[in-house]
């Protein structure tokens, strides 16, 4: 069993910052890509940022320069530092990890989601 637990969401004013965390636990041998997605009300879930096992990062165009994804493999944790937040960043943020458990193929696991609200 693998679990992903997110934290760090909340209410922030426009222009503010938040740091999201997502920690994995359970039967884990290797964590490959780690991703952050978000879903705003009435909209589809969208990819925000990805970090590979080698540390390469990619971002959605609207987040470039404002968001930074990072990982700590010793802690099995992925982070999303969000700066200069805008009202349109309001959404539920989800982490996803591609994980190989011992003796098992790679599966994608999702966190439960954490609400980020940007409002004055």
Protein backbone atom coordinates (compact mmCIF):
# COMPACT_ATOMS: atom_id res chain seq x y z
CA UNK A 1 0.00 0.00 0.00
CA UNK A 2 1.14 3.49 -0.87
CA UNK A 3 -0.30 6.72 0.48
CA UNK A 4 0.30 10.32 -0.51
CA UNK A 5 -0.51 13.01 2.03
CA UNK A 6 -0.60 16.66 1.03
CA UNK A 7 -0.32 19.74 3.19
CA UNK A 8 0.22 23.47 2.95
CA UNK A 9 -2.92 24.73 1.30
CA UNK A 10 -4.97 27.61 2.61
CA UNK A 11 -6.20 31.13 2.06
CA UNK A 12 -3.73 33.72 0.81
CA UNK A 13 -4.03 37.24 -0.56
CA UNK A 14 -3.16 38.04 -4.16
CA UNK A 15 0.59 38.43 -4.51
CA UNK A 16 1.23 36.12 -1.59
CA UNK A 17 3.02 32.79 -1.39
CA UNK A 18 2.30 29.24 -0.32
CA UNK A 19 4.35 26.08 -0.19
CA UNK A 20 2.63 22.78 -0.77
CA UNK A 21 4.08 19.47 0.35
CA UNK A 22 3.21 15.91 -0.58
CA UNK A 23 4.77 13.00 1.29
CA UNK A 24 4.60 9.38 0.19
CA UNK A 25 4.64 6.41 2.52
CA UNK A 26 4.22 2.67 2.32
CA UNK A 27 5.66 -0.02 0.11
CA UNK A 28 8.00 2.09 -2.04
CA UNK A 29 11.13 1.10 -3.91
CA UNK A 30 11.52 3.89 -6.44
CA UNK A 31 9.68 7.12 -7.11
CA UNK A 32 9.95 8.25 -10.69
CA UNK A 33 8.14 11.39 -11.84
CA UNK A 34 6.40 13.60 -9.31
CA UNK A 35 3.70 15.98 -10.49
CA UNK A 36 1.39 18.68 -9.25
CA UNK A 37 -2.04 19.11 -10.81
CA UNK A 38 -4.87 21.45 -9.99
CA UNK A 39 -8.58 21.55 -10.59
CA UNK A 40 -10.68 24.67 -10.35
CA UNK A 41 -14.46 24.47 -9.92
CA UNK A 42 -16.16 23.44 -13.14
CA UNK A 43 -12.87 22.86 -14.92
CA UNK A 44 -10.79 19.87 -15.85
CA UNK A 45 -7.77 18.85 -13.84
CA UNK A 46 -4.63 20.34 -15.36
CA UNK A 47 -0.94 19.68 -15.01
CA UNK A 48 0.93 22.41 -13.16
CA UNK A 49 4.48 21.09 -12.87
CA UNK A 50 6.56 17.92 -13.17
CA UNK A 51 9.91 16.85 -11.78
CA UNK A 52 11.62 13.72 -13.03
CA UNK A 53 13.72 11.26 -11.06
CA UNK A 54 16.75 13.05 -12.47
CA UNK A 55 15.54 16.44 -11.29
CA UNK A 56 14.42 17.89 -14.61
CA UNK A 57 11.43 20.18 -14.29
CA UNK A 58 8.67 21.36 -16.59
CA UNK A 59 5.91 23.86 -15.95
CA UNK A 60 2.66 24.97 -17.50
CA UNK A 61 3.14 28.29 -19.26
CA UNK A 62 0.99 30.24 -16.79
CA UNK A 63 3.16 29.07 -13.87
CA UNK A 64 6.60 29.64 -15.32
CA UNK A 65 8.60 32.00 -13.18
CA UNK A 66 6.09 31.93 -10.33
CA UNK A 67 6.02 28.29 -9.23
CA UNK A 68 8.93 26.01 -8.35
CA UNK A 69 8.68 22.26 -8.00
CA UNK A 70 11.32 20.36 -6.02
CA UNK A 71 11.78 16.94 -4.47
CA UNK A 72 13.50 15.34 -1.52
CA UNK A 73 13.90 11.67 -2.27
CA UNK A 74 15.15 10.84 1.22
CA UNK A 75 11.85 12.15 2.58
CA UNK A 76 9.82 10.83 -0.38
CA UNK A 77 8.36 14.30 -0.66
CA UNK A 78 7.58 16.72 -3.45
CA UNK A 79 7.10 20.44 -2.92
CA UNK A 80 5.47 23.23 -4.85
CA UNK A 81 6.56 26.74 -3.97
CA UNK A 82 3.99 29.18 -5.29
CA UNK A 83 4.80 32.90 -5.43
CA UNK A 84 2.96 35.93 -6.80
CA UNK A 85 -0.31 34.09 -6.46
CA UNK A 86 -3.31 35.26 -8.46
CA UNK A 87 -7.02 34.71 -8.01
CA UNK A 88 -6.97 32.38 -11.01
CA UNK A 89 -4.62 30.07 -9.09
CA UNK A 90 -7.53 29.19 -6.81
CA UNK A 91 -8.10 25.44 -7.09
CA UNK A 92 -7.68 22.10 -5.38
CA UNK A 93 -4.08 21.02 -5.86
CA UNK A 94 -3.21 17.35 -6.21
CA UNK A 95 0.13 15.59 -6.22
CA UNK A 96 0.80 12.49 -8.27
CA UNK A 97 3.76 10.15 -8.09
CA UNK A 98 4.81 7.29 -10.33
CA UNK A 99 5.98 4.64 -7.89
CA UNK A 100 7.49 1.20 -8.15
CA UNK A 101 6.87 -0.95 -5.14
CA UNK A 102 8.98 -3.99 -4.39
CA UNK A 103 8.29 -6.69 -6.96
CA UNK A 104 5.51 -4.66 -8.60
CA UNK A 105 5.28 -2.61 -11.78
CA UNK A 106 5.06 1.19 -11.71
CA UNK A 107 1.73 2.68 -10.71
CA UNK A 108 0.50 6.25 -10.43
CA UNK A 109 -0.73 7.34 -7.03
CA UNK A 110 -2.66 10.50 -6.18
CA UNK A 111 -2.91 12.62 -3.09
CA UNK A 112 -6.24 13.60 -1.60
CA UNK A 113 -5.96 17.23 -2.70
CA UNK A 114 -5.43 20.46 -0.81
CA UNK A 115 -7.43 23.63 -1.32
CA UNK A 116 -5.65 26.83 -2.32
CA UNK A 117 -7.74 29.98 -2.27
CA UNK A 118 -6.32 33.29 -3.44
CA UNK A 119 -8.56 36.13 -2.37
CA UNK A 120 -8.44 39.52 -0.70
